[in-house]
């Protein structure tokens, strides 16, 4: 099998209202780039500023797909702002002839084999085991009264990217799957 086909290069993004986390993956075992970018602009200017932050990733790495983690905000203003951002990324993907994929939270949970009650921090810990270069970015365990740590967007982007790549490969990070319970 052609190595180029098995090592899909993607840009995975976790969009938030005032920031986004990203990861560039080449197959499920190679993390090329990662980070988070914040915006201070008025909300109406965020989609163009977000694209300005994403453009260098798309130009430098030439991915085959842009994978975006599904938005979880329940407020209508948050959803509409996120829709504007999603539309901007989708149009950019079309303009560059790249696939545009949205990965849902349920698919991520299924892919990572998370049990009932597992948290985003549990998934982030598994990702840090798989990509040791991210260990120093692992946020502390969040208490219910705390805001989510800004580096969690990186781990959310990586989880979406690994979930997308799991669709195409039997090779998946062993650290992200729990052993299956055996009957009997």
Protein backbone atom coordinates (compact mmCIF):
# COMPACT_ATOMS: atom_id res chain seq x y z
CA UNK A 1 0.00 0.00 0.00
CA UNK A 2 1.24 3.47 -0.84
CA UNK A 3 2.67 5.15 2.29
CA UNK A 4 1.35 8.54 1.18
CA UNK A 5 -2.20 7.17 1.23
CA UNK A 6 -1.87 5.67 4.72
CA UNK A 7 -0.43 8.84 6.26
CA UNK A 8 -3.27 11.29 5.81
CA UNK A 9 -2.32 14.86 6.67
CA UNK A 10 -5.07 16.88 8.28
CA UNK A 11 -5.59 20.12 10.16
CA UNK A 12 -7.92 19.59 13.12
CA UNK A 13 -9.56 22.64 14.68
CA UNK A 14 -11.57 23.28 17.83
CA UNK A 15 -13.45 26.56 17.30
CA UNK A 16 -14.51 28.69 20.25
CA UNK A 17 -16.11 32.13 20.29
CA UNK A 18 -12.85 34.01 20.97
CA UNK A 19 -10.16 31.42 20.19
CA UNK A 20 -9.38 28.21 18.40
CA UNK A 21 -7.12 25.27 19.08
CA UNK A 22 -5.44 23.43 16.25
CA UNK A 23 -3.37 20.35 15.50
CA UNK A 24 -1.70 19.22 12.30
CA UNK A 25 -1.55 15.43 12.16
CA UNK A 26 0.08 13.15 9.65
CA UNK A 27 -1.54 9.84 10.33
CA UNK A 28 -2.50 8.82 13.86
CA UNK A 29 1.08 8.74 15.15
CA UNK A 30 2.67 12.00 13.99
CA UNK A 31 1.81 15.41 15.42
CA UNK A 32 3.44 18.06 13.23
CA UNK A 33 2.16 21.29 14.81
CA UNK A 34 -0.27 22.39 17.51
CA UNK A 35 -1.34 25.49 19.36
CA UNK A 36 -4.11 27.91 20.24
CA UNK A 37 -4.89 31.40 18.98
CA UNK A 38 -7.00 34.04 20.73
CA UNK A 39 -8.85 37.07 19.35
CA UNK A 40 -9.38 40.47 20.88
CA UNK A 41 -11.38 41.84 17.94
CA UNK A 42 -15.11 42.64 18.05
CA UNK A 43 -17.19 39.50 17.52
CA UNK A 44 -18.21 40.59 14.00
CA UNK A 45 -14.52 40.61 12.94
CA UNK A 46 -13.69 37.15 14.28
CA UNK A 47 -14.37 34.97 11.18
CA UNK A 48 -11.86 36.92 9.02
CA UNK A 49 -9.32 37.02 11.87
CA UNK A 50 -9.79 33.29 12.46
CA UNK A 51 -9.12 32.57 8.79
CA UNK A 52 -6.03 34.76 8.99
CA UNK A 53 -4.79 32.45 11.78
CA UNK A 54 -5.69 29.25 9.92
CA UNK A 55 -4.32 30.31 6.51
CA UNK A 56 -0.61 29.73 7.36
CA UNK A 57 -1.42 26.19 8.54
CA UNK A 58 -3.22 25.37 5.31
CA UNK A 59 -0.51 26.94 3.18
CA UNK A 60 2.44 25.37 5.02
CA UNK A 61 1.08 21.86 5.51
CA UNK A 62 -1.28 21.37 2.52
CA UNK A 63 -3.65 19.00 4.34
CA UNK A 64 -6.16 16.81 2.55
CA UNK A 65 -8.86 17.73 5.05
CA UNK A 66 -9.90 20.28 7.64
CA UNK A 67 -11.53 18.54 10.59
CA UNK A 68 -13.58 20.64 13.00
CA UNK A 69 -14.86 19.53 16.38
CA UNK A 70 -18.61 20.05 16.81
CA UNK A 71 -19.56 23.09 18.85
CA UNK A 72 -21.21 22.45 22.23
CA UNK A 73 -22.52 25.90 23.24
CA UNK A 74 -26.20 25.91 24.05
CA UNK A 75 -26.89 29.63 23.71
CA UNK A 76 -28.40 30.84 20.44
CA UNK A 77 -25.89 33.69 20.11
CA UNK A 78 -23.02 31.24 20.59
CA UNK A 79 -24.46 28.89 17.97
CA UNK A 80 -24.95 31.66 15.41
CA UNK A 81 -21.41 32.98 15.95
CA UNK A 82 -20.08 29.45 15.61
CA UNK A 83 -22.10 28.97 12.41
CA UNK A 84 -20.42 32.04 10.91
CA UNK A 85 -17.02 30.64 11.83
CA UNK A 86 -17.87 27.17 10.48
CA UNK A 87 -19.12 28.65 7.20
CA UNK A 88 -15.92 30.65 6.83
CA UNK A 89 -13.76 27.54 7.36
CA UNK A 90 -15.94 25.47 5.03
CA UNK A 91 -15.68 28.10 2.26
CA UNK A 92 -11.90 28.21 2.71
CA UNK A 93 -11.75 24.40 2.46
CA UNK A 94 -13.82 24.50 -0.74
CA UNK A 95 -11.65 27.27 -2.17
CA UNK A 96 -8.57 25.10 -1.58
CA UNK A 97 -10.26 21.84 -2.74
CA UNK A 98 -9.92 20.25 0.71
CA UNK A 99 -12.38 18.04 2.52
CA UNK A 100 -14.32 19.69 5.34
CA UNK A 101 -15.46 17.38 8.13
CA UNK A 102 -17.31 18.04 11.39
CA UNK A 103 -16.69 15.49 14.14
CA UNK A 104 -19.33 15.11 16.85
CA UNK A 105 -18.75 14.62 20.56
CA UNK A 106 -20.44 11.20 20.48
CA UNK A 107 -18.06 9.92 17.80
CA UNK A 108 -15.08 11.18 19.79
CA UNK A 109 -16.36 9.44 22.94
CA UNK A 110 -16.92 6.22 21.01
CA UNK A 111 -13.52 6.40 19.35
CA UNK A 112 -11.71 6.96 22.62
CA UNK A 113 -13.76 4.27 24.32
CA UNK A 114 -14.68 6.63 27.12
CA UNK A 115 -16.79 5.15 29.83
CA UNK A 116 -19.77 6.83 31.43
CA UNK A 117 -18.57 9.71 33.58
CA UNK A 118 -15.28 10.14 31.70
CA UNK A 119 -14.25 13.76 31.30
CA UNK A 120 -12.50 15.79 28.62
CA UNK A 121 -9.52 15.75 30.96
CA UNK A 122 -9.47 11.92 30.84
CA UNK A 123 -9.30 12.08 27.04
CA UNK A 124 -6.60 14.78 27.23
CA UNK A 125 -4.52 12.54 29.52
CA UNK A 126 -4.77 9.71 27.00
CA UNK A 127 -3.70 12.06 24.22
CA UNK A 128 -0.72 13.21 26.29
CA UNK A 129 0.31 9.56 26.72
CA UNK A 130 0.13 9.08 22.98
CA UNK A 131 1.89 12.36 22.12
CA UNK A 132 4.42 13.01 24.94
CA UNK A 133 5.29 16.36 23.38
CA UNK A 134 1.90 17.59 24.62
CA UNK A 135 2.43 16.51 28.23
CA UNK A 136 3.63 19.94 29.32
CA UNK A 137 0.45 21.48 27.83
CA UNK A 138 -1.89 19.16 29.75
CA UNK A 139 -4.23 21.36 31.79
CA UNK A 140 -4.83 20.68 35.47
CA UNK A 141 -7.95 18.77 36.44
CA UNK A 142 -10.84 21.19 36.31
CA UNK A 143 -13.10 21.73 39.30
CA UNK A 144 -16.77 22.58 38.71
CA UNK A 145 -16.28 26.24 39.63
CA UNK A 146 -13.23 26.73 37.38
CA UNK A 147 -13.19 27.98 33.79
CA UNK A 148 -11.85 25.54 31.25
CA UNK A 149 -8.08 25.94 30.80
CA UNK A 150 -7.15 27.61 27.50
CA UNK A 151 -4.91 24.70 26.41
CA UNK A 152 -7.88 22.30 26.42
CA UNK A 153 -8.68 23.56 22.91
CA UNK A 154 -5.47 21.90 21.69
CA UNK A 155 -6.51 18.54 23.15
CA UNK A 156 -10.03 18.94 21.78
CA UNK A 157 -8.58 19.55 18.31
CA UNK A 158 -6.28 16.51 18.59
CA UNK A 159 -9.18 14.32 19.75
CA UNK A 160 -11.23 15.36 16.70
CA UNK A 161 -8.27 14.72 14.40
CA UNK A 162 -7.54 11.26 15.82
CA UNK A 163 -11.23 10.37 15.62
CA UNK A 164 -11.30 11.35 11.94
CA UNK A 165 -8.13 9.35 11.21
CA UNK A 166 -9.55 6.30 13.01
CA UNK A 167 -12.17 6.11 10.25
CA UNK A 168 -9.46 5.12 7.75
CA UNK A 169 -7.02 3.01 9.67
CA UNK A 170 -6.82 -0.06 11.84
CA UNK A 171 -3.77 1.56 13.38
CA UNK A 172 -5.03 3.62 16.28
CA UNK A 173 -3.20 4.80 19.37
CA UNK A 174 -3.26 1.94 21.87
CA UNK A 175 -3.31 4.43 24.71
CA UNK A 176 -6.68 5.79 23.65
CA UNK A 177 -8.67 2.58 23.74
CA UNK A 178 -9.71 0.79 26.89
CA UNK A 179 -9.70 -3.01 26.81
CA UNK A 180 -13.07 -4.40 25.84
CA UNK A 181 -14.94 -6.23 28.58
CA UNK A 182 -15.23 -9.95 27.87
CA UNK A 183 -18.46 -11.76 28.33
CA UNK A 184 -18.48 -14.69 30.73
